[in-house]
């Protein structure tokens, strides 16, 4: 699981890549949301395993 700073860096990286690629901002936001959703699922799965 990534730390907060790593998550922030990854979000910034996604936004930069999408912006430089000329992607529609809606698509860039969707990619960030997918990333955050994956992080949340990973965190939740890890919490369940620890119980």
PDB file of N, CA and C in Angstrom:
ATOM      1  N   UNK A   1       0.841  -1.177   0.000  1.00  0.00           N
ATOM      2  CA  UNK A   1       0.000   0.000   0.000  1.00  0.00           C
ATOM      3  C   UNK A   1       0.890   1.245   0.000  1.00  0.00           C
ATOM      4  N   UNK A   2       0.504   2.215  -0.777  1.00  0.00           N
ATOM      5  CA  UNK A   2       1.292   3.436  -0.893  1.00  0.00           C
ATOM      6  C   UNK A   2       1.011   4.394   0.259  1.00  0.00           C
ATOM      7  N   UNK A   3       1.999   5.179   0.597  1.00  0.00           N
ATOM      8  CA  UNK A   3       1.848   6.228   1.606  1.00  0.00           C
ATOM      9  C   UNK A   3       1.202   7.452   0.954  1.00  0.00           C
ATOM     10  N   UNK A   4       0.734   8.379   1.772  1.00  0.00           N
ATOM     11  CA  UNK A   4       0.058   9.583   1.259  1.00  0.00           C
ATOM     12  C   UNK A   4       0.904  10.348   0.241  1.00  0.00           C
ATOM     13  N   UNK A   5       2.157  10.555   0.552  1.00  0.00           N
ATOM     14  CA  UNK A   5       3.031  11.310  -0.349  1.00  0.00           C
ATOM     15  C   UNK A   5       3.181  10.590  -1.685  1.00  0.00           C
ATOM     16  N   UNK A   6       3.276   9.265  -1.643  1.00  0.00           N
ATOM     17  CA  UNK A   6       3.396   8.484  -2.876  1.00  0.00           C
ATOM     18  C   UNK A   6       2.109   8.561  -3.690  1.00  0.00           C
ATOM     19  N   UNK A   7       0.978   8.544  -3.008  1.00  0.00           N
ATOM     20  CA  UNK A   7      -0.311   8.653  -3.696  1.00  0.00           C
ATOM     21  C   UNK A   7      -0.419  10.022  -4.356  1.00  0.00           C
ATOM     22  N   UNK A   8      -0.055  11.068  -3.629  1.00  0.00           N
ATOM     23  CA  UNK A   8      -0.093  12.421  -4.180  1.00  0.00           C
ATOM     24  C   UNK A   8       0.819  12.524  -5.400  1.00  0.00           C
ATOM     25  N   UNK A   9       2.026  11.961  -5.309  1.00  0.00           N
ATOM     26  CA  UNK A   9       2.961  11.977  -6.436  1.00  0.00           C
ATOM     27  C   UNK A   9       2.381  11.247  -7.641  1.00  0.00           C
ATOM     28  N   UNK A  10       1.737  10.114  -7.399  1.00  0.00           N
ATOM     29  CA  UNK A  10       1.153   9.333  -8.495  1.00  0.00           C
ATOM     30  C   UNK A  10       0.021  10.111  -9.161  1.00  0.00           C
ATOM     31  N   UNK A  11      -0.806  10.778  -8.365  1.00  0.00           N
ATOM     32  CA  UNK A  11      -1.895  11.586  -8.928  1.00  0.00           C
ATOM     33  C   UNK A  11      -1.322  12.706  -9.785  1.00  0.00           C
ATOM     34  N   UNK A  12      -0.293  13.379  -9.280  1.00  0.00           N
ATOM     35  CA  UNK A  12       0.350  14.442 -10.055  1.00  0.00           C
ATOM     36  C   UNK A  12       0.933  13.891 -11.351  1.00  0.00           C
ATOM     37  N   UNK A  13       1.525  12.712 -11.288  1.00  0.00           N
ATOM     38  CA  UNK A  13       2.094  12.081 -12.476  1.00  0.00           C
ATOM     39  C   UNK A  13       1.002  11.784 -13.500  1.00  0.00           C
ATOM     40  N   UNK A  14      -0.107  11.236 -13.045  1.00  0.00           N
ATOM     41  CA  UNK A  14      -1.219  10.927 -13.944  1.00  0.00           C
ATOM     42  C   UNK A  14      -1.709  12.200 -14.621  1.00  0.00           C
ATOM     43  N   UNK A  15      -1.916  13.247 -13.841  1.00  0.00           N
ATOM     44  CA  UNK A  15      -2.417  14.503 -14.396  1.00  0.00           C
ATOM     45  C   UNK A  15      -1.431  15.071 -15.410  1.00  0.00           C
ATOM     46  N   UNK A  16      -0.134  15.054 -15.079  1.00  0.00           N
ATOM     47  CA  UNK A  16       0.895  15.548 -16.014  1.00  0.00           C
ATOM     48  C   UNK A  16       0.886  14.760 -17.313  1.00  0.00           C
ATOM     49  N   UNK A  17       0.851  13.431 -17.200  1.00  0.00           N
ATOM     50  CA  UNK A  17       0.855  12.582 -18.395  1.00  0.00           C
ATOM     51  C   UNK A  17      -0.359  12.861 -19.267  1.00  0.00           C
ATOM     52  N   UNK A  18      -1.514  12.969 -18.640  1.00  0.00           N
ATOM     53  CA  UNK A  18      -2.742  13.202 -19.394  1.00  0.00           C
ATOM     54  C   UNK A  18      -2.729  14.592 -20.031  1.00  0.00           C
ATOM     55  N   UNK A  19      -2.253  15.590 -19.298  1.00  0.00           N
ATOM     56  CA  UNK A  19      -2.192  16.953 -19.816  1.00  0.00           C
ATOM     57  C   UNK A  19      -1.239  17.032 -21.001  1.00  0.00           C
ATOM     58  N   UNK A  20      -0.051  16.447 -20.844  1.00  0.00           N
ATOM     59  CA  UNK A  20       0.939  16.479 -21.916  1.00  0.00           C
ATOM     60  C   UNK A  20       0.468  15.699 -23.129  1.00  0.00           C
ATOM     61  N   UNK A  21      -0.346  14.685 -22.905  1.00  0.00           N
ATOM     62  CA  UNK A  21      -0.874  13.887 -24.006  1.00  0.00           C
ATOM     63  C   UNK A  21      -2.088  14.513 -24.668  1.00  0.00           C
ATOM     64  N   UNK A  22      -2.543  15.645 -24.134  1.00  0.00           N
ATOM     65  CA  UNK A  22      -3.688  16.325 -24.722  1.00  0.00           C
ATOM     66  C   UNK A  22      -5.015  15.634 -24.445  1.00  0.00           C
ATOM     67  N   UNK A  23      -5.044  14.822 -23.404  1.00  0.00           N
ATOM     68  CA  UNK A  23      -6.248  14.085 -23.059  1.00  0.00           C
ATOM     69  C   UNK A  23      -7.306  15.023 -22.494  1.00  0.00           C
ATOM     70  N   UNK A  24      -8.557  14.690 -22.758  1.00  0.00           N
ATOM     71  CA  UNK A  24      -9.688  15.415 -22.195  1.00  0.00           C
ATOM     72  C   UNK A  24      -9.581  15.376 -20.663  1.00  0.00           C
ATOM     73  N   UNK A  25      -9.759  16.505 -19.997  1.00  0.00           N
ATOM     74  CA  UNK A  25      -9.673  16.520 -18.528  1.00  0.00           C
ATOM     75  C   UNK A  25     -10.609  15.518 -17.851  1.00  0.00           C
ATOM     76  N   UNK A  26     -11.739  15.235 -18.467  1.00  0.00           N
ATOM     77  CA  UNK A  26     -12.670  14.256 -17.897  1.00  0.00           C
ATOM     78  C   UNK A  26     -12.013  12.879 -17.861  1.00  0.00           C
ATOM     79  N   UNK A  27     -11.270  12.540 -18.899  1.00  0.00           N
ATOM     80  CA  UNK A  27     -10.562  11.257 -18.933  1.00  0.00           C
ATOM     81  C   UNK A  27      -9.445  11.220 -17.892  1.00  0.00           C
ATOM     82  N   UNK A  28      -8.742  12.332 -17.739  1.00  0.00           N
ATOM     83  CA  UNK A  28      -7.677  12.398 -16.734  1.00  0.00           C
ATOM     84  C   UNK A  28      -8.264  12.191 -15.340  1.00  0.00           C
ATOM     85  N   UNK A  29      -9.389  12.832 -15.072  1.00  0.00           N
ATOM     86  CA  UNK A  29     -10.041  12.669 -13.776  1.00  0.00           C
ATOM     87  C   UNK A  29     -10.506  11.233 -13.579  1.00  0.00           C
ATOM     88  N   UNK A  30     -11.027  10.623 -14.625  1.00  0.00           N
ATOM     89  CA  UNK A  30     -11.465   9.225 -14.536  1.00  0.00           C
ATOM     90  C   UNK A  30     -10.286   8.315 -14.206  1.00  0.00           C
ATOM     91  N   UNK A  31      -9.139   8.586 -14.804  1.00  0.00           N
ATOM     92  CA  UNK A  31      -7.948   7.777 -14.517  1.00  0.00           C
ATOM     93  C   UNK A  31      -7.516   7.940 -13.059  1.00  0.00           C
ATOM     94  N   UNK A  32      -7.558   9.166 -12.556  1.00  0.00           N
ATOM     95  CA  UNK A  32      -7.213   9.409 -11.148  1.00  0.00           C
ATOM     96  C   UNK A  32      -8.196   8.684 -10.246  1.00  0.00           C
ATOM     97  N   UNK A  33      -9.476   8.737 -10.583  1.00  0.00           N
ATOM     98  CA  UNK A  33     -10.487   8.053  -9.763  1.00  0.00           C
ATOM     99  C   UNK A  33     -10.272   6.545  -9.757  1.00  0.00           C
ATOM    100  N   UNK A  34      -9.918   5.980 -10.913  1.00  0.00           N
ATOM    101  CA  UNK A  34      -9.632   4.537 -10.967  1.00  0.00           C
ATOM    102  C   UNK A  34      -8.449   4.193 -10.066  1.00  0.00           C
ATOM    103  N   UNK A  35      -7.409   5.011 -10.132  1.00  0.00           N
ATOM    104  CA  UNK A  35      -6.233   4.789  -9.290  1.00  0.00           C
ATOM    105  C   UNK A  35      -6.612   4.838  -7.810  1.00  0.00           C
ATOM    106  N   UNK A  36      -7.380   5.851  -7.414  1.00  0.00           N
ATOM    107  CA  UNK A  36      -7.785   5.971  -6.013  1.00  0.00           C
ATOM    108  C   UNK A  36      -8.670   4.808  -5.588  1.00  0.00           C
ATOM    109  N   UNK A  37      -9.532   4.368  -6.479  1.00  0.00           N
ATOM    110  CA  UNK A  37     -10.393   3.223  -6.184  1.00  0.00           C
ATOM    111  C   UNK A  37      -9.556   1.967  -5.961  1.00  0.00           C
ATOM    112  N   UNK A  38      -8.547   1.773  -6.799  1.00  0.00           N
ATOM    113  CA  UNK A  38      -7.652   0.620  -6.636  1.00  0.00           C
ATOM    114  C   UNK A  38      -6.916   0.695  -5.299  1.00  0.00           C
ATOM    115  N   UNK A  39      -6.479   1.890  -4.926  1.00  0.00           N
ATOM    116  CA  UNK A  39      -5.784   2.063  -3.649  1.00  0.00           C
ATOM    117  C   UNK A  39      -6.716   1.755  -2.480  1.00  0.00           C
ATOM    118  N   UNK A  40      -7.957   2.205  -2.596  1.00  0.00           N
ATOM    119  CA  UNK A  40      -8.936   1.965  -1.538  1.00  0.00           C
ATOM    120  C   UNK A  40      -9.215   0.475  -1.394  1.00  0.00           C
ATOM    121  N   UNK A  41      -9.397  -0.206  -2.531  1.00  0.00           N
ATOM    122  CA  UNK A  41      -9.648  -1.653  -2.496  1.00  0.00           C
ATOM    123  C   UNK A  41      -8.463  -2.388  -1.890  1.00  0.00           C
ATOM    124  N   UNK A  42      -7.266  -1.976  -2.256  1.00  0.00           N
ATOM    125  CA  UNK A  42      -6.054  -2.595  -1.727  1.00  0.00           C
ATOM    126  C   UNK A  42      -5.976  -2.404  -0.216  1.00  0.00           C
ATOM    127  N   UNK A  43      -6.281  -1.206   0.236  1.00  0.00           N
ATOM    128  CA  UNK A  43      -6.253  -0.908   1.669  1.00  0.00           C
ATOM    129  C   UNK A  43      -7.319  -1.715   2.406  1.00  0.00           C
ATOM    130  N   UNK A  44      -8.536  -1.773   1.844  1.00  0.00           N
ATOM    131  CA  UNK A  44      -9.624  -2.516   2.479  1.00  0.00           C
ATOM    132  C   UNK A  44      -9.309  -4.001   2.538  1.00  0.00           C
ATOM    133  N   UNK A  45      -8.761  -4.528   1.457  1.00  0.00           N
ATOM    134  CA  UNK A  45      -8.408  -5.950   1.408  1.00  0.00           C
ATOM    135  C   UNK A  45      -7.337  -6.257   2.447  1.00  0.00           C
ATOM    136  N   UNK A  46      -6.385  -5.358   2.568  1.00  0.00           N
ATOM    137  CA  UNK A  46      -5.306  -5.538   3.545  1.00  0.00           C
ATOM    138  C   UNK A  46      -5.861  -5.498   4.968  1.00  0.00           C
ATOM    139  N   UNK A  47      -6.810  -4.602   5.227  1.00  0.00           N
ATOM    140  CA  UNK A  47      -7.425  -4.501   6.557  1.00  0.00           C
ATOM    141  C   UNK A  47      -8.169  -5.776   6.906  1.00  0.00           C
ATOM    142  N   UNK A  48      -8.880  -6.354   5.939  1.00  0.00           N
ATOM    143  CA  UNK A  48      -9.622  -7.592   6.174  1.00  0.00           C
ATOM    144  C   UNK A  48      -8.672  -8.740   6.480  1.00  0.00           C
ATOM    145  N   UNK A  49      -7.546  -8.777   5.805  1.00  0.00           N
ATOM    146  CA  UNK A  49      -6.574  -9.853   6.009  1.00  0.00           C
ATOM    147  C   UNK A  49      -5.958  -9.773   7.406  1.00  0.00           C
ATOM    148  N   UNK A  50      -5.853  -8.573   7.935  1.00  0.00           N
ATOM    149  CA  UNK A  50      -5.263  -8.393   9.261  1.00  0.00           C
ATOM    150  C   UNK A  50      -6.228  -8.762  10.378  1.00  0.00           C
ATOM    151  N   UNK A  51      -7.538  -8.758  10.091  1.00  0.00           N
ATOM    152  CA  UNK A  51      -8.543  -9.079  11.128  1.00  0.00           C
ATOM    153  C   UNK A  51      -8.535 -10.516  11.542  1.00  0.00           C
TER     154      UNK A  51
END
